[in-house]
């Protein structure tokens, strides 16, 4: 998506939105991988965190990319994804506390 954004003819505000979304996608992909490594020790909360990260990043990025590149907006898709991402972090933290 970073390459598409670099070469697509989009306005500067949309380009900034895509850059931020690509950054969020990258950090949460890393969080998803590390959650997978932690899941054996973190238990069911870590598994729930992984699910929240996976669904959250898909919804968040899809909402932004569809708006920027497709020209249409699906209400509540990106905010729902963002909420799931925050829930993923809370669940991951809870799994670390619970595992102690």
PDB file of N, CA and C in Angstrom:
ATOM      1  N   UNK A   1       0.812  -1.188   0.000  1.00  0.00           N
ATOM      2  CA  UNK A   1       0.000   0.000   0.000  1.00  0.00           C
ATOM      3  C   UNK A   1       0.861   1.260   0.000  1.00  0.00           C
ATOM      4  N   UNK A   2       2.031   1.175   0.609  1.00  0.00           N
ATOM      5  CA  UNK A   2       2.916   2.342   0.600  1.00  0.00           C
ATOM      6  C   UNK A   2       3.355   2.660  -0.832  1.00  0.00           C
ATOM      7  N   UNK A   3       3.621   1.632  -1.623  1.00  0.00           N
ATOM      8  CA  UNK A   3       4.017   1.853  -3.012  1.00  0.00           C
ATOM      9  C   UNK A   3       2.860   2.415  -3.829  1.00  0.00           C
ATOM     10  N   UNK A   4       1.671   1.907  -3.587  1.00  0.00           N
ATOM     11  CA  UNK A   4       0.498   2.428  -4.288  1.00  0.00           C
ATOM     12  C   UNK A   4       0.300   3.897  -3.935  1.00  0.00           C
ATOM     13  N   UNK A   5       0.403   4.208  -2.662  1.00  0.00           N
ATOM     14  CA  UNK A   5       0.221   5.594  -2.227  1.00  0.00           C
ATOM     15  C   UNK A   5       1.287   6.516  -2.812  1.00  0.00           C
ATOM     16  N   UNK A   6       2.485   5.984  -2.988  1.00  0.00           N
ATOM     17  CA  UNK A   6       3.566   6.803  -3.533  1.00  0.00           C
ATOM     18  C   UNK A   6       3.347   7.152  -5.007  1.00  0.00           C
ATOM     19  N   UNK A   7       2.610   6.300  -5.716  1.00  0.00           N
ATOM     20  CA  UNK A   7       2.452   6.506  -7.151  1.00  0.00           C
ATOM     21  C   UNK A   7       1.032   6.870  -7.572  1.00  0.00           C
ATOM     22  N   UNK A   8       0.094   6.786  -6.666  1.00  0.00           N
ATOM     23  CA  UNK A   8      -1.293   7.098  -7.012  1.00  0.00           C
ATOM     24  C   UNK A   8      -1.513   8.612  -7.005  1.00  0.00           C
ATOM     25  N   UNK A   9      -2.302   9.083  -7.930  1.00  0.00           N
ATOM     26  CA  UNK A   9      -2.583  10.528  -7.965  1.00  0.00           C
ATOM     27  C   UNK A   9      -3.689  10.892  -6.962  1.00  0.00           C
ATOM     28  N   UNK A  10      -3.292  11.095  -5.709  1.00  0.00           N
ATOM     29  CA  UNK A  10      -4.266  11.448  -4.678  1.00  0.00           C
ATOM     30  C   UNK A  10      -3.833  12.752  -4.010  1.00  0.00           C
ATOM     31  N   UNK A  11      -4.796  13.424  -3.402  1.00  0.00           N
ATOM     32  CA  UNK A  11      -4.491  14.715  -2.790  1.00  0.00           C
ATOM     33  C   UNK A  11      -3.648  14.524  -1.527  1.00  0.00           C
ATOM     34  N   UNK A  12      -2.969  15.569  -1.069  1.00  0.00           N
ATOM     35  CA  UNK A  12      -2.058  15.458   0.082  1.00  0.00           C
ATOM     36  C   UNK A  12      -2.717  14.968   1.373  1.00  0.00           C
ATOM     37  N   UNK A  13      -3.947  15.362   1.634  1.00  0.00           N
ATOM     38  CA  UNK A  13      -4.626  14.908   2.850  1.00  0.00           C
ATOM     39  C   UNK A  13      -4.890  13.405   2.795  1.00  0.00           C
ATOM     40  N   UNK A  14      -5.300  12.918   1.640  1.00  0.00           N
ATOM     41  CA  UNK A  14      -5.536  11.488   1.472  1.00  0.00           C
ATOM     42  C   UNK A  14      -4.220  10.718   1.550  1.00  0.00           C
ATOM     43  N   UNK A  15      -3.173  11.290   0.991  1.00  0.00           N
ATOM     44  CA  UNK A  15      -1.859  10.654   1.062  1.00  0.00           C
ATOM     45  C   UNK A  15      -1.406  10.515   2.507  1.00  0.00           C
ATOM     46  N   UNK A  16      -1.633  11.534   3.311  1.00  0.00           N
ATOM     47  CA  UNK A  16      -1.271  11.466   4.729  1.00  0.00           C
ATOM     48  C   UNK A  16      -2.089  10.393   5.450  1.00  0.00           C
ATOM     49  N   UNK A  17      -3.351  10.278   5.116  1.00  0.00           N
ATOM     50  CA  UNK A  17      -4.196   9.243   5.715  1.00  0.00           C
ATOM     51  C   UNK A  17      -3.687   7.850   5.358  1.00  0.00           C
ATOM     52  N   UNK A  18      -3.274   7.657   4.115  1.00  0.00           N
ATOM     53  CA  UNK A  18      -2.744   6.358   3.689  1.00  0.00           C
ATOM     54  C   UNK A  18      -1.420   6.073   4.387  1.00  0.00           C
ATOM     55  N   UNK A  19      -0.571   7.060   4.498  1.00  0.00           N
ATOM     56  CA  UNK A  19       0.711   6.861   5.193  1.00  0.00           C
ATOM     57  C   UNK A  19       0.488   6.447   6.652  1.00  0.00           C
ATOM     58  N   UNK A  20      -0.431   7.128   7.321  1.00  0.00           N
ATOM     59  CA  UNK A  20      -0.731   6.777   8.708  1.00  0.00           C
ATOM     60  C   UNK A  20      -1.318   5.374   8.814  1.00  0.00           C
ATOM     61  N   UNK A  21      -2.156   5.022   7.864  1.00  0.00           N
ATOM     62  CA  UNK A  21      -2.769   3.696   7.880  1.00  0.00           C
ATOM     63  C   UNK A  21      -1.739   2.612   7.614  1.00  0.00           C
ATOM     64  N   UNK A  22      -0.827   2.854   6.688  1.00  0.00           N
ATOM     65  CA  UNK A  22       0.246   1.890   6.423  1.00  0.00           C
ATOM     66  C   UNK A  22       1.101   1.698   7.676  1.00  0.00           C
ATOM     67  N   UNK A  23       1.377   2.789   8.378  1.00  0.00           N
ATOM     68  CA  UNK A  23       2.166   2.690   9.608  1.00  0.00           C
ATOM     69  C   UNK A  23       1.403   1.889  10.667  1.00  0.00           C
ATOM     70  N   UNK A  24       0.121   2.159  10.839  1.00  0.00           N
ATOM     71  CA  UNK A  24      -0.697   1.401  11.801  1.00  0.00           C
ATOM     72  C   UNK A  24      -0.749  -0.078  11.421  1.00  0.00           C
ATOM     73  N   UNK A  25      -0.868  -0.342  10.136  1.00  0.00           N
ATOM     74  CA  UNK A  25      -0.924  -1.722   9.665  1.00  0.00           C
ATOM     75  C   UNK A  25       0.384  -2.446   9.978  1.00  0.00           C
ATOM     76  N   UNK A  26       1.496  -1.783   9.755  1.00  0.00           N
ATOM     77  CA  UNK A  26       2.791  -2.406  10.032  1.00  0.00           C
ATOM     78  C   UNK A  26       3.010  -2.690  11.504  1.00  0.00           C
ATOM     79  N   UNK A  27       2.710  -1.719  12.363  1.00  0.00           N
ATOM     80  CA  UNK A  27       2.909  -1.925  13.805  1.00  0.00           C
ATOM     81  C   UNK A  27       1.979  -3.005  14.348  1.00  0.00           C
ATOM     82  N   UNK A  28       0.750  -3.025  13.868  1.00  0.00           N
ATOM     83  CA  UNK A  28      -0.173  -4.026  14.388  1.00  0.00           C
ATOM     84  C   UNK A  28       0.074  -5.407  13.786  1.00  0.00           C
ATOM     85  N   UNK A  29       0.669  -5.477  12.605  1.00  0.00           N
ATOM     86  CA  UNK A  29       1.096  -6.775  12.082  1.00  0.00           C
ATOM     87  C   UNK A  29       2.199  -7.347  12.967  1.00  0.00           C
ATOM     88  N   UNK A  30       3.125  -6.494  13.380  1.00  0.00           N
ATOM     89  CA  UNK A  30       4.174  -6.928  14.304  1.00  0.00           C
ATOM     90  C   UNK A  30       3.574  -7.351  15.644  1.00  0.00           C
ATOM     91  N   UNK A  31       2.617  -6.585  16.138  1.00  0.00           N
ATOM     92  CA  UNK A  31       1.948  -6.945  17.399  1.00  0.00           C
ATOM     93  C   UNK A  31       1.231  -8.280  17.265  1.00  0.00           C
ATOM     94  N   UNK A  32       0.642  -8.535  16.111  1.00  0.00           N
ATOM     95  CA  UNK A  32      -0.055  -9.805  15.884  1.00  0.00           C
ATOM     96  C   UNK A  32       0.917 -10.976  15.901  1.00  0.00           C
ATOM     97  N   UNK A  33       2.076 -10.807  15.275  1.00  0.00           N
ATOM     98  CA  UNK A  33       3.092 -11.868  15.286  1.00  0.00           C
ATOM     99  C   UNK A  33       3.584 -12.125  16.708  1.00  0.00           C
ATOM    100  N   UNK A  34       3.893 -11.068  17.431  1.00  0.00           N
ATOM    101  CA  UNK A  34       4.378 -11.235  18.801  1.00  0.00           C
ATOM    102  C   UNK A  34       3.294 -11.798  19.723  1.00  0.00           C
ATOM    103  N   UNK A  35       2.055 -11.470  19.456  1.00  0.00           N
ATOM    104  CA  UNK A  35       0.948 -12.054  20.217  1.00  0.00           C
ATOM    105  C   UNK A  35       0.870 -13.552  19.952  1.00  0.00           C
ATOM    106  N   UNK A  36       1.117 -13.945  18.719  1.00  0.00           N
ATOM    107  CA  UNK A  36       1.150 -15.375  18.396  1.00  0.00           C
ATOM    108  C   UNK A  36       2.256 -16.113  19.140  1.00  0.00           C
ATOM    109  N   UNK A  37       3.400 -15.477  19.289  1.00  0.00           N
ATOM    110  CA  UNK A  37       4.503 -16.072  20.054  1.00  0.00           C
ATOM    111  C   UNK A  37       4.131 -16.167  21.533  1.00  0.00           C
ATOM    112  N   UNK A  38       3.462 -15.152  22.043  1.00  0.00           N
ATOM    113  CA  UNK A  38       3.086 -15.082  23.453  1.00  0.00           C
ATOM    114  C   UNK A  38       1.888 -15.974  23.783  1.00  0.00           C
ATOM    115  N   UNK A  39       1.085 -16.329  22.796  1.00  0.00           N
ATOM    116  CA  UNK A  39      -0.204 -16.989  23.029  1.00  0.00           C
ATOM    117  C   UNK A  39      -0.100 -18.272  23.841  1.00  0.00           C
ATOM    118  N   UNK A  40       0.963 -19.030  23.678  1.00  0.00           N
ATOM    119  CA  UNK A  40       1.102 -20.278  24.434  1.00  0.00           C
ATOM    120  C   UNK A  40       1.165 -20.012  25.931  1.00  0.00           C
ATOM    121  N   UNK A  41       1.769 -18.913  26.312  1.00  0.00           N
ATOM    122  CA  UNK A  41       1.875 -18.577  27.734  1.00  0.00           C
ATOM    123  C   UNK A  41       0.734 -17.663  28.201  1.00  0.00           C
ATOM    124  N   UNK A  42       0.233 -16.841  27.300  1.00  0.00           N
ATOM    125  CA  UNK A  42      -0.777 -15.855  27.656  1.00  0.00           C
ATOM    126  C   UNK A  42      -2.190 -16.395  27.754  1.00  0.00           C
ATOM    127  N   UNK A  43      -2.417 -17.594  27.263  1.00  0.00           N
ATOM    128  CA  UNK A  43      -3.722 -18.220  27.391  1.00  0.00           C
ATOM    129  C   UNK A  43      -4.795 -17.615  26.501  1.00  0.00           C
ATOM    130  N   UNK A  44      -6.031 -17.798  26.945  1.00  0.00           N
ATOM    131  CA  UNK A  44      -7.173 -17.403  26.119  1.00  0.00           C
ATOM    132  C   UNK A  44      -7.258 -15.897  25.926  1.00  0.00           C
ATOM    133  N   UNK A  45      -6.759 -15.112  26.867  1.00  0.00           N
ATOM    134  CA  UNK A  45      -6.761 -13.660  26.680  1.00  0.00           C
ATOM    135  C   UNK A  45      -5.836 -13.251  25.536  1.00  0.00           C
ATOM    136  N   UNK A  46      -4.708 -13.929  25.417  1.00  0.00           N
ATOM    137  CA  UNK A  46      -3.789 -13.639  24.318  1.00  0.00           C
ATOM    138  C   UNK A  46      -4.406 -14.044  22.986  1.00  0.00           C
ATOM    139  N   UNK A  47      -5.134 -15.134  22.973  1.00  0.00           N
ATOM    140  CA  UNK A  47      -5.816 -15.552  21.742  1.00  0.00           C
ATOM    141  C   UNK A  47      -6.891 -14.536  21.353  1.00  0.00           C
ATOM    142  N   UNK A  48      -7.615 -14.033  22.335  1.00  0.00           N
ATOM    143  CA  UNK A  48      -8.614 -12.988  22.070  1.00  0.00           C
ATOM    144  C   UNK A  48      -7.938 -11.714  21.570  1.00  0.00           C
ATOM    145  N   UNK A  49      -6.776 -11.387  22.131  1.00  0.00           N
ATOM    146  CA  UNK A  49      -6.023 -10.215  21.676  1.00  0.00           C
ATOM    147  C   UNK A  49      -5.619 -10.386  20.215  1.00  0.00           C
ATOM    148  N   UNK A  50      -5.145 -11.571  19.855  1.00  0.00           N
ATOM    149  CA  UNK A  50      -4.767 -11.833  18.465  1.00  0.00           C
ATOM    150  C   UNK A  50      -5.946 -11.691  17.518  1.00  0.00           C
ATOM    151  N   UNK A  51      -7.099 -12.196  17.934  1.00  0.00           N
ATOM    152  CA  UNK A  51      -8.296 -12.061  17.103  1.00  0.00           C
ATOM    153  C   UNK A  51      -8.690 -10.593  16.961  1.00  0.00           C
ATOM    154  N   UNK A  52      -8.608  -9.841  18.057  1.00  0.00           N
ATOM    155  CA  UNK A  52      -8.948  -8.419  18.003  1.00  0.00           C
ATOM    156  C   UNK A  52      -7.986  -7.662  17.089  1.00  0.00           C
ATOM    157  N   UNK A  53      -6.698  -7.988  17.161  1.00  0.00           N
ATOM    158  CA  UNK A  53      -5.722  -7.349  16.276  1.00  0.00           C
ATOM    159  C   UNK A  53      -6.020  -7.683  14.809  1.00  0.00           C
ATOM    160  N   UNK A  54      -6.272  -8.950  14.514  1.00  0.00           N
ATOM    161  CA  UNK A  54      -6.488  -9.372  13.128  1.00  0.00           C
ATOM    162  C   UNK A  54      -7.731  -8.713  12.525  1.00  0.00           C
ATOM    163  N   UNK A  55      -8.840  -8.786  13.230  1.00  0.00           N
ATOM    164  CA  UNK A  55     -10.076  -8.203  12.715  1.00  0.00           C
ATOM    165  C   UNK A  55      -9.992  -6.677  12.728  1.00  0.00           C
ATOM    166  N   UNK A  56      -9.398  -6.127  13.773  1.00  0.00           N
ATOM    167  CA  UNK A  56      -9.291  -4.677  13.884  1.00  0.00           C
ATOM    168  C   UNK A  56      -8.471  -4.059  12.770  1.00  0.00           C
ATOM    169  N   UNK A  57      -7.334  -4.653  12.461  1.00  0.00           N
ATOM    170  CA  UNK A  57      -6.491  -4.075  11.416  1.00  0.00           C
ATOM    171  C   UNK A  57      -7.149  -4.227  10.051  1.00  0.00           C
ATOM    172  N   UNK A  58      -7.848  -5.332   9.841  1.00  0.00           N
ATOM    173  CA  UNK A  58      -8.547  -5.518   8.567  1.00  0.00           C
ATOM    174  C   UNK A  58      -9.641  -4.461   8.395  1.00  0.00           C
ATOM    175  N   UNK A  59     -10.436  -4.253   9.427  1.00  0.00           N
ATOM    176  CA  UNK A  59     -11.520  -3.274   9.324  1.00  0.00           C
ATOM    177  C   UNK A  59     -10.996  -1.842   9.234  1.00  0.00           C
ATOM    178  N   UNK A  60     -10.031  -1.508  10.077  1.00  0.00           N
ATOM    179  CA  UNK A  60      -9.494  -0.151  10.083  1.00  0.00           C
ATOM    180  C   UNK A  60      -8.887   0.203   8.723  1.00  0.00           C
ATOM    181  N   UNK A  61      -8.008  -0.665   8.233  1.00  0.00           N
ATOM    182  CA  UNK A  61      -7.342  -0.385   6.954  1.00  0.00           C
ATOM    183  C   UNK A  61      -8.330  -0.404   5.796  1.00  0.00           C
ATOM    184  N   UNK A  62      -9.251  -1.348   5.807  1.00  0.00           N
ATOM    185  CA  UNK A  62     -10.238  -1.406   4.729  1.00  0.00           C
ATOM    186  C   UNK A  62     -11.061  -0.130   4.683  1.00  0.00           C
ATOM    187  N   UNK A  63     -11.461   0.373   5.837  1.00  0.00           N
ATOM    188  CA  UNK A  63     -12.242   1.608   5.867  1.00  0.00           C
ATOM    189  C   UNK A  63     -11.494   2.782   5.262  1.00  0.00           C
ATOM    190  N   UNK A  64     -10.229   2.923   5.623  1.00  0.00           N
ATOM    191  CA  UNK A  64      -9.449   4.052   5.102  1.00  0.00           C
ATOM    192  C   UNK A  64      -9.128   3.854   3.625  1.00  0.00           C
ATOM    193  N   UNK A  65      -8.687   2.660   3.240  1.00  0.00           N
ATOM    194  CA  UNK A  65      -8.304   2.422   1.844  1.00  0.00           C
ATOM    195  C   UNK A  65      -9.508   2.527   0.906  1.00  0.00           C
ATOM    196  N   UNK A  66     -10.656   2.031   1.333  1.00  0.00           N
ATOM    197  CA  UNK A  66     -11.846   2.152   0.498  1.00  0.00           C
ATOM    198  C   UNK A  66     -12.255   3.605   0.318  1.00  0.00           C
ATOM    199  N   UNK A  67     -12.112   4.381   1.354  1.00  0.00           N
ATOM    200  CA  UNK A  67     -12.462   5.797   1.260  1.00  0.00           C
ATOM    201  C   UNK A  67     -11.493   6.545   0.341  1.00  0.00           C
ATOM    202  N   UNK A  68     -10.204   6.299   0.510  1.00  0.00           N
ATOM    203  CA  UNK A  68      -9.201   7.040  -0.273  1.00  0.00           C
ATOM    204  C   UNK A  68      -9.163   6.568  -1.722  1.00  0.00           C
ATOM    205  N   UNK A  69      -9.098   5.261  -1.934  1.00  0.00           N
ATOM    206  CA  UNK A  69      -8.909   4.748  -3.289  1.00  0.00           C
ATOM    207  C   UNK A  69     -10.215   4.400  -3.999  1.00  0.00           C
ATOM    208  N   UNK A  70     -11.248   4.064  -3.239  1.00  0.00           N
ATOM    209  CA  UNK A  70     -12.521   3.693  -3.857  1.00  0.00           C
ATOM    210  C   UNK A  70     -13.507   4.835  -3.950  1.00  0.00           C
ATOM    211  N   UNK A  71     -13.288   5.856  -3.132  1.00  0.00           N
ATOM    212  CA  UNK A  71     -14.149   7.009  -3.184  1.00  0.00           C
ATOM    213  C   UNK A  71     -15.467   6.867  -2.433  1.00  0.00           C
ATOM    214  N   UNK A  72     -15.626   5.796  -1.701  1.00  0.00           N
ATOM    215  CA  UNK A  72     -16.859   5.688  -0.914  1.00  0.00           C
ATOM    216  C   UNK A  72     -16.525   5.366   0.528  1.00  0.00           C
ATOM    217  N   UNK A  73     -17.437   5.744   1.378  1.00  0.00           N
ATOM    218  CA  UNK A  73     -17.199   5.631   2.815  1.00  0.00           C
ATOM    219  C   UNK A  73     -18.211   4.673   3.427  1.00  0.00           C
ATOM    220  N   UNK A  74     -17.708   3.711   4.171  1.00  0.00           N
ATOM    221  CA  UNK A  74     -18.570   2.813   4.919  1.00  0.00           C
ATOM    222  C   UNK A  74     -18.555   3.273   6.367  1.00  0.00           C
ATOM    223  N   UNK A  75     -19.668   3.810   6.850  1.00  0.00           N
ATOM    224  CA  UNK A  75     -19.664   4.364   8.207  1.00  0.00           C
ATOM    225  C   UNK A  75     -19.368   3.303   9.251  1.00  0.00           C
ATOM    226  N   UNK A  76     -18.575   3.684  10.201  1.00  0.00           N
ATOM    227  CA  UNK A  76     -18.247   2.880  11.382  1.00  0.00           C
ATOM    228  C   UNK A  76     -17.282   1.726  11.119  1.00  0.00           C
ATOM    229  N   UNK A  77     -16.780   1.544   9.912  1.00  0.00           N
ATOM    230  CA  UNK A  77     -15.833   0.459   9.660  1.00  0.00           C
ATOM    231  C   UNK A  77     -14.482   0.785  10.297  1.00  0.00           C
ATOM    232  N   UNK A  78     -13.904   1.933   9.969  1.00  0.00           N
ATOM    233  CA  UNK A  78     -12.611   2.310  10.540  1.00  0.00           C
ATOM    234  C   UNK A  78     -12.693   2.522  12.055  1.00  0.00           C
ATOM    235  N   UNK A  79     -13.718   3.198  12.574  1.00  0.00           N
ATOM    236  CA  UNK A  79     -13.791   3.340  14.038  1.00  0.00           C
ATOM    237  C   UNK A  79     -13.961   2.001  14.771  1.00  0.00           C
ATOM    238  N   UNK A  80     -14.709   1.089  14.178  1.00  0.00           N
ATOM    239  CA  UNK A  80     -14.860  -0.235  14.788  1.00  0.00           C
ATOM    240  C   UNK A  80     -13.522  -0.961  14.791  1.00  0.00           C
ATOM    241  N   UNK A  81     -12.791  -0.862  13.691  1.00  0.00           N
ATOM    242  CA  UNK A  81     -11.466  -1.471  13.635  1.00  0.00           C
ATOM    243  C   UNK A  81     -10.521  -0.866  14.650  1.00  0.00           C
ATOM    244  N   UNK A  82     -10.555   0.453  14.783  1.00  0.00           N
ATOM    245  CA  UNK A  82      -9.699   1.122  15.768  1.00  0.00           C
ATOM    246  C   UNK A  82     -10.044   0.720  17.191  1.00  0.00           C
ATOM    247  N   UNK A  83     -11.322   0.567  17.463  1.00  0.00           N
ATOM    248  CA  UNK A  83     -11.750   0.127  18.790  1.00  0.00           C
ATOM    249  C   UNK A  83     -11.266  -1.291  19.066  1.00  0.00           C
ATOM    250  N   UNK A  84     -11.334  -2.149  18.062  1.00  0.00           N
ATOM    251  CA  UNK A  84     -10.830  -3.520  18.230  1.00  0.00           C
ATOM    252  C   UNK A  84      -9.318  -3.537  18.447  1.00  0.00           C
ATOM    253  N   UNK A  85      -8.600  -2.635  17.798  1.00  0.00           N
ATOM    254  CA  UNK A  85      -7.155  -2.556  18.015  1.00  0.00           C
ATOM    255  C   UNK A  85      -6.842  -2.152  19.458  1.00  0.00           C
ATOM    256  N   UNK A  86      -7.587  -1.181  19.967  1.00  0.00           N
ATOM    257  CA  UNK A  86      -7.390  -0.789  21.366  1.00  0.00           C
ATOM    258  C   UNK A  86      -7.766  -1.929  22.311  1.00  0.00           C
ATOM    259  N   UNK A  87      -8.831  -2.637  21.990  1.00  0.00           N
ATOM    260  CA  UNK A  87      -9.229  -3.790  22.805  1.00  0.00           C
ATOM    261  C   UNK A  87      -8.149  -4.862  22.771  1.00  0.00           C
ATOM    262  N   UNK A  88      -7.510  -5.033  21.617  1.00  0.00           N
ATOM    263  CA  UNK A  88      -6.425  -6.004  21.506  1.00  0.00           C
ATOM    264  C   UNK A  88      -5.282  -5.684  22.447  1.00  0.00           C
ATOM    265  N   UNK A  89      -4.923  -4.400  22.530  1.00  0.00           N
ATOM    266  CA  UNK A  89      -3.858  -4.006  23.448  1.00  0.00           C
ATOM    267  C   UNK A  89      -4.261  -4.244  24.898  1.00  0.00           C
ATOM    268  N   UNK A  90      -5.498  -3.939  25.229  1.00  0.00           N
ATOM    269  CA  UNK A  90      -5.972  -4.182  26.600  1.00  0.00           C
ATOM    270  C   UNK A  90      -5.977  -5.673  26.931  1.00  0.00           C
ATOM    271  N   UNK A  91      -6.427  -6.475  25.983  1.00  0.00           N
ATOM    272  CA  UNK A  91      -6.436  -7.930  26.201  1.00  0.00           C
ATOM    273  C   UNK A  91      -5.016  -8.482  26.315  1.00  0.00           C
ATOM    274  N   UNK A  92      -4.105  -7.967  25.511  1.00  0.00           N
ATOM    275  CA  UNK A  92      -2.717  -8.419  25.584  1.00  0.00           C
ATOM    276  C   UNK A  92      -2.108  -8.052  26.930  1.00  0.00           C
ATOM    277  N   UNK A  93      -2.369  -6.835  27.401  1.00  0.00           N
ATOM    278  CA  UNK A  93      -1.892  -6.436  28.725  1.00  0.00           C
ATOM    279  C   UNK A  93      -2.495  -7.288  29.823  1.00  0.00           C
ATOM    280  N   UNK A  94      -3.794  -7.574  29.715  1.00  0.00           N
ATOM    281  CA  UNK A  94      -4.457  -8.415  30.706  1.00  0.00           C
ATOM    282  C   UNK A  94      -3.875  -9.823  30.701  1.00  0.00           C
ATOM    283  N   UNK A  95      -3.508 -10.321  29.518  1.00  0.00           N
ATOM    284  CA  UNK A  95      -2.924 -11.670  29.454  1.00  0.00           C
ATOM    285  C   UNK A  95      -1.555 -11.696  30.134  1.00  0.00           C
ATOM    286  N   UNK A  96      -0.812 -10.589  30.036  1.00  0.00           N
ATOM    287  CA  UNK A  96       0.498 -10.522  30.708  1.00  0.00           C
ATOM    288  C   UNK A  96       0.338 -10.479  32.214  1.00  0.00           C
ATOM    289  N   UNK A  97      -0.663  -9.737  32.683  1.00  0.00           N
ATOM    290  CA  UNK A  97      -0.914  -9.675  34.128  1.00  0.00           C
ATOM    291  C   UNK A  97      -1.421 -11.024  34.641  1.00  0.00           C
ATOM    292  N   UNK A  98      -2.343 -11.618  33.895  1.00  0.00           N
ATOM    293  CA  UNK A  98      -2.945 -12.899  34.286  1.00  0.00           C
ATOM    294  C   UNK A  98      -1.909 -14.013  34.316  1.00  0.00           C
ATOM    295  N   UNK A  99      -0.913 -13.967  33.428  1.00  0.00           N
ATOM    296  CA  UNK A  99       0.088 -15.031  33.337  1.00  0.00           C
ATOM    297  C   UNK A  99       1.055 -15.027  34.512  1.00  0.00           C
ATOM    298  N   UNK A 100       1.119 -13.931  35.253  1.00  0.00           N
ATOM    299  CA  UNK A 100       2.029 -13.855  36.394  1.00  0.00           C
ATOM    300  C   UNK A 100       1.528 -14.802  37.400  1.00  0.00           C
TER     301      UNK A 100
END
